[in-house]
PDB file of N, CA and C in Angstrom:
ATOM      1  N   UNK A   1     -21.740  -4.974   9.833  1.00  0.00           N
ATOM      2  CA  UNK A   1     -20.957  -6.201   9.889  1.00  0.00           C
ATOM      3  C   UNK A   1     -20.745  -6.785   8.486  1.00  0.00           C
ATOM      4  N   UNK A   2     -21.709  -6.619   7.617  1.00  0.00           N
ATOM      5  CA  UNK A   2     -21.620  -7.150   6.253  1.00  0.00           C
ATOM      6  C   UNK A   2     -20.424  -6.559   5.512  1.00  0.00           C
ATOM      7  N   UNK A   3     -20.209  -5.250   5.634  1.00  0.00           N
ATOM      8  CA  UNK A   3     -19.100  -4.593   4.950  1.00  0.00           C
ATOM      9  C   UNK A   3     -17.772  -5.145   5.472  1.00  0.00           C
ATOM     10  N   UNK A   4     -17.665  -5.306   6.784  1.00  0.00           N
ATOM     11  CA  UNK A   4     -16.443  -5.842   7.381  1.00  0.00           C
ATOM     12  C   UNK A   4     -16.201  -7.274   6.902  1.00  0.00           C
ATOM     13  N   UNK A   5     -17.260  -8.086   6.843  1.00  0.00           N
ATOM     14  CA  UNK A   5     -17.139  -9.463   6.366  1.00  0.00           C
ATOM     15  C   UNK A   5     -16.672  -9.484   4.920  1.00  0.00           C
ATOM     16  N   UNK A   6     -17.224  -8.593   4.092  1.00  0.00           N
ATOM     17  CA  UNK A   6     -16.835  -8.512   2.691  1.00  0.00           C
ATOM     18  C   UNK A   6     -15.365  -8.115   2.579  1.00  0.00           C
ATOM     19  N   UNK A   7     -14.927  -7.155   3.381  1.00  0.00           N
ATOM     20  CA  UNK A   7     -13.528  -6.734   3.382  1.00  0.00           C
ATOM     21  C   UNK A   7     -12.637  -7.917   3.750  1.00  0.00           C
ATOM     22  N   UNK A   8     -13.011  -8.637   4.776  1.00  0.00           N
ATOM     23  CA  UNK A   8     -12.196  -9.773   5.212  1.00  0.00           C
ATOM     24  C   UNK A   8     -12.119 -10.844   4.130  1.00  0.00           C
ATOM     25  N   UNK A   9     -13.226 -11.127   3.482  1.00  0.00           N
ATOM     26  CA  UNK A   9     -13.239 -12.129   2.411  1.00  0.00           C
ATOM     27  C   UNK A   9     -12.362 -11.686   1.253  1.00  0.00           C
ATOM     28  N   UNK A  10     -12.483 -10.427   0.852  1.00  0.00           N
ATOM     29  CA  UNK A  10     -11.648  -9.905  -0.242  1.00  0.00           C
ATOM     30  C   UNK A  10     -10.172  -9.925   0.151  1.00  0.00           C
ATOM     31  N   UNK A  11      -9.880  -9.622   1.421  1.00  0.00           N
ATOM     32  CA  UNK A  11      -8.496  -9.636   1.906  1.00  0.00           C
ATOM     33  C   UNK A  11      -7.919 -11.055   1.854  1.00  0.00           C
ATOM     34  N   UNK A  12      -8.709 -12.034   2.306  1.00  0.00           N
ATOM     35  CA  UNK A  12      -8.245 -13.419   2.264  1.00  0.00           C
ATOM     36  C   UNK A  12      -7.990 -13.860   0.827  1.00  0.00           C
ATOM     37  N   UNK A  13      -8.837 -13.425  -0.102  1.00  0.00           N
ATOM     38  CA  UNK A  13      -8.636 -13.752  -1.517  1.00  0.00           C
ATOM     39  C   UNK A  13      -7.335 -13.160  -2.041  1.00  0.00           C
ATOM     40  N   UNK A  14      -7.046 -11.912  -1.657  1.00  0.00           N
ATOM     41  CA  UNK A  14      -5.785 -11.288  -2.066  1.00  0.00           C
ATOM     42  C   UNK A  14      -4.604 -12.047  -1.462  1.00  0.00           C
ATOM     43  N   UNK A  15      -4.684 -12.371  -0.183  1.00  0.00           N
ATOM     44  CA  UNK A  15      -3.611 -13.131   0.458  1.00  0.00           C
ATOM     45  C   UNK A  15      -3.373 -14.461  -0.258  1.00  0.00           C
ATOM     46  N   UNK A  16      -4.443 -15.127  -0.645  1.00  0.00           N
ATOM     47  CA  UNK A  16      -4.314 -16.413  -1.341  1.00  0.00           C
ATOM     48  C   UNK A  16      -3.581 -16.228  -2.674  1.00  0.00           C
ATOM     49  N   UNK A  17      -3.903 -15.161  -3.393  1.00  0.00           N
ATOM     50  CA  UNK A  17      -3.220 -14.883  -4.666  1.00  0.00           C
ATOM     51  C   UNK A  17      -1.737 -14.583  -4.443  1.00  0.00           C
ATOM     52  N   UNK A  18      -1.438 -13.867  -3.377  1.00  0.00           N
ATOM     53  CA  UNK A  18      -0.038 -13.548  -3.088  1.00  0.00           C
ATOM     54  C   UNK A  18       0.736 -14.783  -2.635  1.00  0.00           C
ATOM     55  N   UNK A  19       0.079 -15.677  -1.917  1.00  0.00           N
ATOM     56  CA  UNK A  19       0.717 -16.940  -1.530  1.00  0.00           C
ATOM     57  C   UNK A  19       1.037 -17.756  -2.780  1.00  0.00           C
ATOM     58  N   UNK A  20       0.088 -17.784  -3.732  1.00  0.00           N
ATOM     59  CA  UNK A  20       0.328 -18.471  -5.005  1.00  0.00           C
ATOM     60  C   UNK A  20       1.555 -17.909  -5.703  1.00  0.00           C
ATOM     61  N   UNK A  21       1.653 -16.598  -5.705  1.00  0.00           N
ATOM     62  CA  UNK A  21       2.733 -15.903  -6.425  1.00  0.00           C
ATOM     63  C   UNK A  21       4.082 -16.046  -5.729  1.00  0.00           C
ATOM     64  N   UNK A  22       4.106 -15.918  -4.390  1.00  0.00           N
ATOM     65  CA  UNK A  22       5.366 -15.862  -3.656  1.00  0.00           C
ATOM     66  C   UNK A  22       5.631 -17.077  -2.761  1.00  0.00           C
ATOM     67  N   UNK A  23       4.685 -18.015  -2.735  1.00  0.00           N
ATOM     68  CA  UNK A  23       4.825 -19.220  -1.903  1.00  0.00           C
ATOM     69  C   UNK A  23       4.988 -18.903  -0.418  1.00  0.00           C
ATOM     70  N   UNK A  24       4.469 -17.765  -0.013  1.00  0.00           N
ATOM     71  CA  UNK A  24       4.547 -17.368   1.392  1.00  0.00           C
ATOM     72  C   UNK A  24       3.459 -16.328   1.640  1.00  0.00           C
ATOM     73  N   UNK A  25       2.808 -16.409   2.796  1.00  0.00           N
ATOM     74  CA  UNK A  25       1.762 -15.443   3.124  1.00  0.00           C
ATOM     75  C   UNK A  25       2.410 -14.148   3.616  1.00  0.00           C
ATOM     76  N   UNK A  26       2.200 -13.059   2.879  1.00  0.00           N
ATOM     77  CA  UNK A  26       2.808 -11.792   3.300  1.00  0.00           C
ATOM     78  C   UNK A  26       1.970 -11.098   4.368  1.00  0.00           C
ATOM     79  N   UNK A  27       2.651 -10.398   5.274  1.00  0.00           N
ATOM     80  CA  UNK A  27       1.921  -9.589   6.238  1.00  0.00           C
ATOM     81  C   UNK A  27       1.663  -8.209   5.620  1.00  0.00           C
ATOM     82  N   UNK A  28       0.984  -7.370   6.344  1.00  0.00           N
ATOM     83  CA  UNK A  28       0.604  -6.045   5.842  1.00  0.00           C
ATOM     84  C   UNK A  28       1.833  -5.223   5.461  1.00  0.00           C
ATOM     85  N   UNK A  29       2.882  -5.270   6.291  1.00  0.00           N
ATOM     86  CA  UNK A  29       4.094  -4.505   5.992  1.00  0.00           C
ATOM     87  C   UNK A  29       4.755  -4.985   4.708  1.00  0.00           C
ATOM     88  N   UNK A  30       4.762  -6.279   4.478  1.00  0.00           N
ATOM     89  CA  UNK A  30       5.347  -6.830   3.258  1.00  0.00           C
ATOM     90  C   UNK A  30       4.561  -6.373   2.035  1.00  0.00           C
ATOM     91  N   UNK A  31       3.250  -6.346   2.142  1.00  0.00           N
ATOM     92  CA  UNK A  31       2.415  -5.892   1.027  1.00  0.00           C
ATOM     93  C   UNK A  31       2.689  -4.415   0.753  1.00  0.00           C
ATOM     94  N   UNK A  32       2.819  -3.617   1.815  1.00  0.00           N
ATOM     95  CA  UNK A  32       3.160  -2.199   1.623  1.00  0.00           C
ATOM     96  C   UNK A  32       4.523  -2.064   0.953  1.00  0.00           C
ATOM     97  N   UNK A  33       5.478  -2.871   1.355  1.00  0.00           N
ATOM     98  CA  UNK A  33       6.814  -2.869   0.759  1.00  0.00           C
ATOM     99  C   UNK A  33       6.730  -3.178  -0.734  1.00  0.00           C
ATOM    100  N   UNK A  34       5.944  -4.196  -1.099  1.00  0.00           N
ATOM    101  CA  UNK A  34       5.789  -4.563  -2.511  1.00  0.00           C
ATOM    102  C   UNK A  34       5.142  -3.439  -3.320  1.00  0.00           C
ATOM    103  N   UNK A  35       4.131  -2.800  -2.750  1.00  0.00           N
ATOM    104  CA  UNK A  35       3.485  -1.670  -3.432  1.00  0.00           C
ATOM    105  C   UNK A  35       4.477  -0.524  -3.575  1.00  0.00           C
ATOM    106  N   UNK A  36       5.275  -0.285  -2.534  1.00  0.00           N
ATOM    107  CA  UNK A  36       6.291   0.759  -2.597  1.00  0.00           C
ATOM    108  C   UNK A  36       7.283   0.524  -3.719  1.00  0.00           C
ATOM    109  N   UNK A  37       7.726  -0.718  -3.866  1.00  0.00           N
ATOM    110  CA  UNK A  37       8.644  -1.054  -4.965  1.00  0.00           C
ATOM    111  C   UNK A  37       7.961  -0.823  -6.307  1.00  0.00           C
ATOM    112  N   UNK A  38       6.708  -1.231  -6.407  1.00  0.00           N
ATOM    113  CA  UNK A  38       5.945  -1.034  -7.646  1.00  0.00           C
ATOM    114  C   UNK A  38       5.870   0.449  -8.003  1.00  0.00           C
ATOM    115  N   UNK A  39       5.585   1.275  -7.021  1.00  0.00           N
ATOM    116  CA  UNK A  39       5.454   2.717  -7.259  1.00  0.00           C
ATOM    117  C   UNK A  39       6.809   3.387  -7.495  1.00  0.00           C
ATOM    118  N   UNK A  40       7.851   2.919  -6.833  1.00  0.00           N
ATOM    119  CA  UNK A  40       9.204   3.440  -7.013  1.00  0.00           C
ATOM    120  C   UNK A  40       9.706   3.081  -8.406  1.00  0.00           C
ATOM    121  N   UNK A  41       9.357   1.878  -8.851  1.00  0.00           N
ATOM    122  CA  UNK A  41       9.686   1.469 -10.205  1.00  0.00           C
ATOM    123  C   UNK A  41      11.100   0.950 -10.408  1.00  0.00           C
ATOM    124  N   UNK A  42      11.841   0.798  -9.328  1.00  0.00           N
ATOM    125  CA  UNK A  42      13.204   0.290  -9.442  1.00  0.00           C
ATOM    126  C   UNK A  42      13.375  -0.882  -8.479  1.00  0.00           C
ATOM    127  N   UNK A  43      13.877  -1.972  -9.007  1.00  0.00           N
ATOM    128  CA  UNK A  43      14.129  -3.132  -8.163  1.00  0.00           C
ATOM    129  C   UNK A  43      15.626  -3.200  -7.913  1.00  0.00           C
ATOM    130  N   UNK A  44      15.974  -3.309  -6.652  1.00  0.00           N
ATOM    131  CA  UNK A  44      17.374  -3.442  -6.265  1.00  0.00           C
ATOM    132  C   UNK A  44      17.538  -4.763  -5.544  1.00  0.00           C
ATOM    133  N   UNK A  45      18.757  -5.273  -5.550  1.00  0.00           N
ATOM    134  CA  UNK A  45      19.011  -6.512  -4.835  1.00  0.00           C
ATOM    135  C   UNK A  45      18.858  -6.302  -3.336  1.00  0.00           C
ATOM    136  N   UNK A  46      19.286  -5.158  -2.856  1.00  0.00           N
ATOM    137  CA  UNK A  46      19.199  -4.833  -1.429  1.00  0.00           C
ATOM    138  C   UNK A  46      18.730  -3.393  -1.258  1.00  0.00           C
ATOM    139  N   UNK A  47      17.825  -3.194  -0.326  1.00  0.00           N
ATOM    140  CA  UNK A  47      17.416  -1.856   0.097  1.00  0.00           C
ATOM    141  C   UNK A  47      17.905  -1.664   1.526  1.00  0.00           C
ATOM    142  N   UNK A  48      18.342  -0.461   1.847  1.00  0.00           N
ATOM    143  CA  UNK A  48      18.732  -0.162   3.220  1.00  0.00           C
ATOM    144  C   UNK A  48      17.468  -0.120   4.080  1.00  0.00           C
ATOM    145  N   UNK A  49      17.653  -0.130   5.393  1.00  0.00           N
ATOM    146  CA  UNK A  49      16.515  -0.047   6.312  1.00  0.00           C
ATOM    147  C   UNK A  49      15.735   1.243   6.055  1.00  0.00           C
ATOM    148  N   UNK A  50      16.452   2.349   5.842  1.00  0.00           N
ATOM    149  CA  UNK A  50      15.801   3.627   5.572  1.00  0.00           C
ATOM    150  C   UNK A  50      15.030   3.584   4.250  1.00  0.00           C
ATOM    151  N   UNK A  51      15.614   2.958   3.237  1.00  0.00           N
ATOM    152  CA  UNK A  51      14.922   2.841   1.947  1.00  0.00           C
ATOM    153  C   UNK A  51      13.665   1.988   2.069  1.00  0.00           C
ATOM    154  N   UNK A  52      13.722   0.945   2.883  1.00  0.00           N
ATOM    155  CA  UNK A  52      12.533   0.108   3.101  1.00  0.00           C
ATOM    156  C   UNK A  52      11.419   0.923   3.758  1.00  0.00           C
ATOM    157  N   UNK A  53      11.788   1.757   4.730  1.00  0.00           N
ATOM    158  CA  UNK A  53      10.799   2.632   5.371  1.00  0.00           C
ATOM    159  C   UNK A  53      10.249   3.632   4.354  1.00  0.00           C
ATOM    160  N   UNK A  54      11.129   4.172   3.514  1.00  0.00           N
ATOM    161  CA  UNK A  54      10.696   5.113   2.476  1.00  0.00           C
ATOM    162  C   UNK A  54       9.744   4.438   1.490  1.00  0.00           C
ATOM    163  N   UNK A  55      10.031   3.191   1.132  1.00  0.00           N
ATOM    164  CA  UNK A  55       9.160   2.460   0.211  1.00  0.00           C
ATOM    165  C   UNK A  55       7.778   2.250   0.810  1.00  0.00           C
ATOM    166  N   UNK A  56       7.720   1.947   2.104  1.00  0.00           N
ATOM    167  CA  UNK A  56       6.421   1.773   2.751  1.00  0.00           C
ATOM    168  C   UNK A  56       5.672   3.102   2.834  1.00  0.00           C
ATOM    169  N   UNK A  57       6.409   4.195   3.029  1.00  0.00           N
ATOM    170  CA  UNK A  57       5.796   5.529   3.039  1.00  0.00           C
ATOM    171  C   UNK A  57       5.234   5.860   1.650  1.00  0.00           C
ATOM    172  N   UNK A  58       6.007   5.564   0.614  1.00  0.00           N
ATOM    173  CA  UNK A  58       5.543   5.778  -0.763  1.00  0.00           C
ATOM    174  C   UNK A  58       4.268   4.971  -1.000  1.00  0.00           C
ATOM    175  N   UNK A  59       4.249   3.740  -0.506  1.00  0.00           N
ATOM    176  CA  UNK A  59       3.067   2.893  -0.676  1.00  0.00           C
ATOM    177  C   UNK A  59       1.848   3.503   0.000  1.00  0.00           C
ATOM    178  N   UNK A  60       1.998   3.916   1.240  1.00  0.00           N
ATOM    179  CA  UNK A  60       0.861   4.487   1.977  1.00  0.00           C
ATOM    180  C   UNK A  60       0.356   5.745   1.274  1.00  0.00           C
ATOM    181  N   UNK A  61       1.268   6.618   0.868  1.00  0.00           N
ATOM    182  CA  UNK A  61       0.852   7.846   0.164  1.00  0.00           C
ATOM    183  C   UNK A  61       0.153   7.512  -1.147  1.00  0.00           C
ATOM    184  N   UNK A  62       0.696   6.545  -1.876  1.00  0.00           N
ATOM    185  CA  UNK A  62       0.081   6.134  -3.148  1.00  0.00           C
ATOM    186  C   UNK A  62      -1.305   5.560  -2.915  1.00  0.00           C
ATOM    187  N   UNK A  63      -1.433   4.744  -1.880  1.00  0.00           N
ATOM    188  CA  UNK A  63      -2.733   4.148  -1.572  1.00  0.00           C
ATOM    189  C   UNK A  63      -3.754   5.210  -1.202  1.00  0.00           C
ATOM    190  N   UNK A  64      -3.353   6.144  -0.342  1.00  0.00           N
ATOM    191  CA  UNK A  64      -4.293   7.161   0.130  1.00  0.00           C
ATOM    192  C   UNK A  64      -4.540   8.249  -0.907  1.00  0.00           C
ATOM    193  N   UNK A  65      -3.692   8.329  -1.919  1.00  0.00           N
ATOM    194  CA  UNK A  65      -3.939   9.253  -3.030  1.00  0.00           C
ATOM    195  C   UNK A  65      -5.218   8.849  -3.773  1.00  0.00           C
ATOM    196  N   UNK A  66      -5.542   7.556  -3.729  1.00  0.00           N
ATOM    197  CA  UNK A  66      -6.763   7.067  -4.380  1.00  0.00           C
ATOM    198  C   UNK A  66      -8.014   7.714  -3.801  1.00  0.00           C
ATOM    199  N   UNK A  67      -7.930   8.155  -2.544  1.00  0.00           N
ATOM    200  CA  UNK A  67      -9.073   8.779  -1.871  1.00  0.00           C
ATOM    201  C   UNK A  67      -8.872  10.276  -1.672  1.00  0.00           C
ATOM    202  N   UNK A  68      -7.876  10.840  -2.321  1.00  0.00           N
ATOM    203  CA  UNK A  68      -7.679  12.281  -2.267  1.00  0.00           C
ATOM    204  C   UNK A  68      -6.955  12.805  -1.038  1.00  0.00           C
ATOM    205  N   UNK A  69      -6.310  11.936  -0.272  1.00  0.00           N
ATOM    206  CA  UNK A  69      -5.576  12.398   0.904  1.00  0.00           C
ATOM    207  C   UNK A  69      -4.194  12.942   0.526  1.00  0.00           C
ATOM    208  N   UNK A  70      -3.634  12.410  -0.542  1.00  0.00           N
ATOM    209  CA  UNK A  70      -2.318  12.833  -1.032  1.00  0.00           C
ATOM    210  C   UNK A  70      -2.367  12.979  -2.535  1.00  0.00           C
ATOM    211  N   UNK A  71      -1.402  13.730  -3.062  1.00  0.00           N
ATOM    212  CA  UNK A  71      -1.179  13.743  -4.501  1.00  0.00           C
ATOM    213  C   UNK A  71       0.322  13.777  -4.725  1.00  0.00           C
ATOM    214  N   UNK A  72       0.744  13.215  -5.832  1.00  0.00           N
ATOM    215  CA  UNK A  72       2.169  13.199  -6.124  1.00  0.00           C
ATOM    216  C   UNK A  72       2.599  14.596  -6.556  1.00  0.00           C
ATOM    217  N   UNK A  73       3.706  15.054  -5.974  1.00  0.00           N
ATOM    218  CA  UNK A  73       4.259  16.368  -6.320  1.00  0.00           C
ATOM    219  C   UNK A  73       5.298  16.248  -7.415  1.00  0.00           C
ATOM    220  N   UNK A  74       5.992  15.144  -7.419  1.00  0.00           N
ATOM    221  CA  UNK A  74       7.039  14.942  -8.407  1.00  0.00           C
ATOM    222  C   UNK A  74       7.959  13.820  -7.977  1.00  0.00           C
ATOM    223  N   UNK A  75       9.012  13.662  -8.748  1.00  0.00           N
ATOM    224  CA  UNK A  75       9.996  12.619  -8.508  1.00  0.00           C
ATOM    225  C   UNK A  75      11.356  13.281  -8.428  1.00  0.00           C
ATOM    226  N   UNK A  76      12.155  12.871  -7.437  1.00  0.00           N
ATOM    227  CA  UNK A  76      13.477  13.483  -7.292  1.00  0.00           C
ATOM    228  C   UNK A  76      14.488  12.860  -8.265  1.00  0.00           C
ATOM    229  N   UNK A  77      15.716  13.328  -8.203  1.00  0.00           N
ATOM    230  CA  UNK A  77      16.762  12.893  -9.134  1.00  0.00           C
ATOM    231  C   UNK A  77      17.067  11.399  -9.032  1.00  0.00           C
ATOM    232  N   UNK A  78      16.797  10.810  -7.865  1.00  0.00           N
ATOM    233  CA  UNK A  78      17.052   9.378  -7.673  1.00  0.00           C
ATOM    234  C   UNK A  78      15.838   8.523  -8.016  1.00  0.00           C
ATOM    235  N   UNK A  79      14.756   9.162  -8.454  1.00  0.00           N
ATOM    236  CA  UNK A  79      13.559   8.433  -8.847  1.00  0.00           C
ATOM    237  C   UNK A  79      12.530   8.236  -7.754  1.00  0.00           C
ATOM    238  N   UNK A  80      12.750   8.856  -6.582  1.00  0.00           N
ATOM    239  CA  UNK A  80      11.797   8.702  -5.481  1.00  0.00           C
ATOM    240  C   UNK A  80      10.628   9.657  -5.645  1.00  0.00           C
ATOM    241  N   UNK A  81       9.408   9.121  -5.614  1.00  0.00           N
ATOM    242  CA  UNK A  81       8.230   9.989  -5.682  1.00  0.00           C
ATOM    243  C   UNK A  81       8.044  10.755  -4.371  1.00  0.00           C
ATOM    244  N   UNK A  82       7.569  11.982  -4.502  1.00  0.00           N
ATOM    245  CA  UNK A  82       7.275  12.807  -3.326  1.00  0.00           C
ATOM    246  C   UNK A  82       5.819  13.242  -3.395  1.00  0.00           C
ATOM    247  N   UNK A  83       5.172  13.264  -2.251  1.00  0.00           N
ATOM    248  CA  UNK A  83       3.741  13.520  -2.172  1.00  0.00           C
ATOM    249  C   UNK A  83       3.442  14.749  -1.336  1.00  0.00           C
ATOM    250  N   UNK A  84       2.296  15.334  -1.627  1.00  0.00           N
ATOM    251  CA  UNK A  84       1.784  16.452  -0.842  1.00  0.00           C
ATOM    252  C   UNK A  84       0.481  15.984  -0.208  1.00  0.00           C
ATOM    253  N   UNK A  85       0.336  16.235   1.099  1.00  0.00           N
ATOM    254  CA  UNK A  85      -0.900  15.873   1.783  1.00  0.00           C
ATOM    255  C   UNK A  85      -1.958  16.925   1.474  1.00  0.00           C
ATOM    256  N   UNK A  86      -3.135  16.469   1.042  1.00  0.00           N
ATOM    257  CA  UNK A  86      -4.223  17.367   0.666  1.00  0.00           C
ATOM    258  C   UNK A  86      -5.252  17.542   1.779  1.00  0.00           C
ATOM    259  N   UNK A  87      -5.457  16.500   2.561  1.00  0.00           N
ATOM    260  CA  UNK A  87      -6.404  16.589   3.669  1.00  0.00           C
ATOM    261  C   UNK A  87      -5.937  15.668   4.789  1.00  0.00           C
ATOM    262  N   UNK A  88      -6.357  16.008   5.993  1.00  0.00           N
ATOM    263  CA  UNK A  88      -5.934  15.216   7.143  1.00  0.00           C
ATOM    264  C   UNK A  88      -6.744  13.930   7.236  1.00  0.00           C
ATOM    265  N   UNK A  89      -6.106  12.935   7.817  1.00  0.00           N
ATOM    266  CA  UNK A  89      -6.767  11.653   8.012  1.00  0.00           C
ATOM    267  C   UNK A  89      -7.762  11.770   9.160  1.00  0.00           C
ATOM    268  N   UNK A  90      -8.893  11.089   9.047  1.00  0.00           N
ATOM    269  CA  UNK A  90      -9.838  11.092  10.164  1.00  0.00           C
ATOM    270  C   UNK A  90      -9.273  10.305  11.341  1.00  0.00           C
ATOM    271  N   UNK A  91      -9.741  10.629  12.521  1.00  0.00           N
ATOM    272  CA  UNK A  91      -9.343   9.879  13.724  1.00  0.00           C
ATOM    273  C   UNK A  91      -9.911   8.463  13.619  1.00  0.00           C
ATOM    274  N   UNK A  92      -9.041   7.469  13.845  1.00  0.00           N
ATOM    275  CA  UNK A  92      -9.476   6.071  13.786  1.00  0.00           C
ATOM    276  C   UNK A  92      -8.735   5.269  14.843  1.00  0.00           C
ATOM    277  N   UNK A  93      -9.420   4.262  15.375  1.00  0.00           N
ATOM    278  CA  UNK A  93      -8.717   3.338  16.256  1.00  0.00           C
ATOM    279  C   UNK A  93      -7.848   2.420  15.382  1.00  0.00           C
ATOM    280  N   UNK A  94      -7.016   1.633  16.002  1.00  0.00           N
ATOM    281  CA  UNK A  94      -6.045   0.809  15.281  1.00  0.00           C
ATOM    282  C   UNK A  94      -6.702  -0.160  14.308  1.00  0.00           C
ATOM    283  N   UNK A  95      -7.751  -0.830  14.738  1.00  0.00           N
ATOM    284  CA  UNK A  95      -8.424  -1.816  13.881  1.00  0.00           C
ATOM    285  C   UNK A  95      -9.076  -1.125  12.685  1.00  0.00           C
ATOM    286  N   UNK A  96      -9.747  -0.021  12.922  1.00  0.00           N
ATOM    287  CA  UNK A  96     -10.382   0.723  11.835  1.00  0.00           C
ATOM    288  C   UNK A  96      -9.334   1.235  10.851  1.00  0.00           C
ATOM    289  N   UNK A  97      -8.215   1.710  11.381  1.00  0.00           N
ATOM    290  CA  UNK A  97      -7.132   2.212  10.535  1.00  0.00           C
ATOM    291  C   UNK A  97      -6.566   1.078   9.660  1.00  0.00           C
ATOM    292  N   UNK A  98      -6.389  -0.093  10.246  1.00  0.00           N
ATOM    293  CA  UNK A  98      -5.883  -1.235   9.475  1.00  0.00           C
ATOM    294  C   UNK A  98      -6.877  -1.638   8.383  1.00  0.00           C
ATOM    295  N   UNK A  99      -8.152  -1.660   8.709  1.00  0.00           N
ATOM    296  CA  UNK A  99      -9.171  -2.000   7.703  1.00  0.00           C
ATOM    297  C   UNK A  99      -9.233  -0.940   6.598  1.00  0.00           C
ATOM    298  N   UNK A 100      -9.078   0.321   6.970  1.00  0.00           N
ATOM    299  CA  UNK A 100      -9.055   1.418   6.002  1.00  0.00           C
ATOM    300  C   UNK A 100      -7.896   1.210   5.020  1.00  0.00           C
ATOM    301  N   UNK A 101      -6.745   0.853   5.546  1.00  0.00           N
ATOM    302  CA  UNK A 101      -5.569   0.613   4.718  1.00  0.00           C
ATOM    303  C   UNK A 101      -5.757  -0.632   3.850  1.00  0.00           C
ATOM    304  N   UNK A 102      -6.306  -1.689   4.426  1.00  0.00           N
ATOM    305  CA  UNK A 102      -6.565  -2.913   3.657  1.00  0.00           C
ATOM    306  C   UNK A 102      -7.518  -2.639   2.499  1.00  0.00           C
ATOM    307  N   UNK A 103      -8.556  -1.846   2.743  1.00  0.00           N
ATOM    308  CA  UNK A 103      -9.502  -1.507   1.687  1.00  0.00           C
ATOM    309  C   UNK A 103      -8.801  -0.762   0.553  1.00  0.00           C
ATOM    310  N   UNK A 104      -7.887   0.135   0.900  1.00  0.00           N
ATOM    311  CA  UNK A 104      -7.135   0.871  -0.120  1.00  0.00           C
ATOM    312  C   UNK A 104      -6.156  -0.039  -0.865  1.00  0.00           C
ATOM    313  N   UNK A 105      -5.591  -1.009  -0.171  1.00  0.00           N
ATOM    314  CA  UNK A 105      -4.707  -1.978  -0.829  1.00  0.00           C
ATOM    315  C   UNK A 105      -5.504  -2.802  -1.835  1.00  0.00           C
ATOM    316  N   UNK A 106      -6.676  -3.261  -1.437  1.00  0.00           N
ATOM    317  CA  UNK A 106      -7.526  -4.031  -2.348  1.00  0.00           C
ATOM    318  C   UNK A 106      -7.902  -3.204  -3.576  1.00  0.00           C
ATOM    319  N   UNK A 107      -8.232  -1.939  -3.369  1.00  0.00           N
ATOM    320  CA  UNK A 107      -8.556  -1.041  -4.485  1.00  0.00           C
ATOM    321  C   UNK A 107      -7.345  -0.878  -5.401  1.00  0.00           C
ATOM    322  N   UNK A 108      -6.165  -0.736  -4.813  1.00  0.00           N
ATOM    323  CA  UNK A 108      -4.934  -0.589  -5.584  1.00  0.00           C
ATOM    324  C   UNK A 108      -4.713  -1.807  -6.485  1.00  0.00           C
ATOM    325  N   UNK A 109      -4.828  -3.001  -5.913  1.00  0.00           N
ATOM    326  CA  UNK A 109      -4.625  -4.208  -6.707  1.00  0.00           C
ATOM    327  C   UNK A 109      -5.673  -4.340  -7.799  1.00  0.00           C
ATOM    328  N   UNK A 110      -6.898  -3.946  -7.495  1.00  0.00           N
ATOM    329  CA  UNK A 110      -7.970  -3.986  -8.498  1.00  0.00           C
ATOM    330  C   UNK A 110      -7.692  -2.985  -9.627  1.00  0.00           C
ATOM    331  N   UNK A 111      -7.314  -1.764  -9.278  1.00  0.00           N
ATOM    332  CA  UNK A 111      -7.065  -0.726 -10.283  1.00  0.00           C
ATOM    333  C   UNK A 111      -5.830  -1.006 -11.138  1.00  0.00           C
ATOM    334  N   UNK A 112      -4.865  -1.708 -10.569  1.00  0.00           N
ATOM    335  CA  UNK A 112      -3.630  -1.988 -11.289  1.00  0.00           C
ATOM    336  C   UNK A 112      -3.634  -3.392 -11.915  1.00  0.00           C
ATOM    337  N   UNK A 113      -4.747  -4.070 -11.779  1.00  0.00           N
ATOM    338  CA  UNK A 113      -4.909  -5.411 -12.351  1.00  0.00           C
ATOM    339  C   UNK A 113      -3.734  -6.320 -11.980  1.00  0.00           C
ATOM    340  N   UNK A 114      -3.331  -6.222 -10.704  1.00  0.00           N
ATOM    341  CA  UNK A 114      -2.203  -7.035 -10.222  1.00  0.00           C
ATOM    342  C   UNK A 114      -2.696  -8.327  -9.594  1.00  0.00           C
TER     343      UNK A 114
END
């Protein structure tokens, strides 16, 4: 329970920092979208629905690369990063999966000093 409590406290701290920055509390999908934009490296005024999904995919792959689940293979002509899966994800229930992702998001923000 202590580890879960620590994760929740760290998550609330991150949310508070993001509220300070954006004046709005972002949900998990919004945070993934922001990480995707950061990793894509290009800011556009508008992204298509498909591009938004691609950005969230880039974010998830980038996050899980920190634990060796993915590695970047390269970048295509349009600047989109492509990843190779190195190992399969363990079976997790929805709550555990969300906490696993939150922990990787916190690590990402810590490593990138964001």
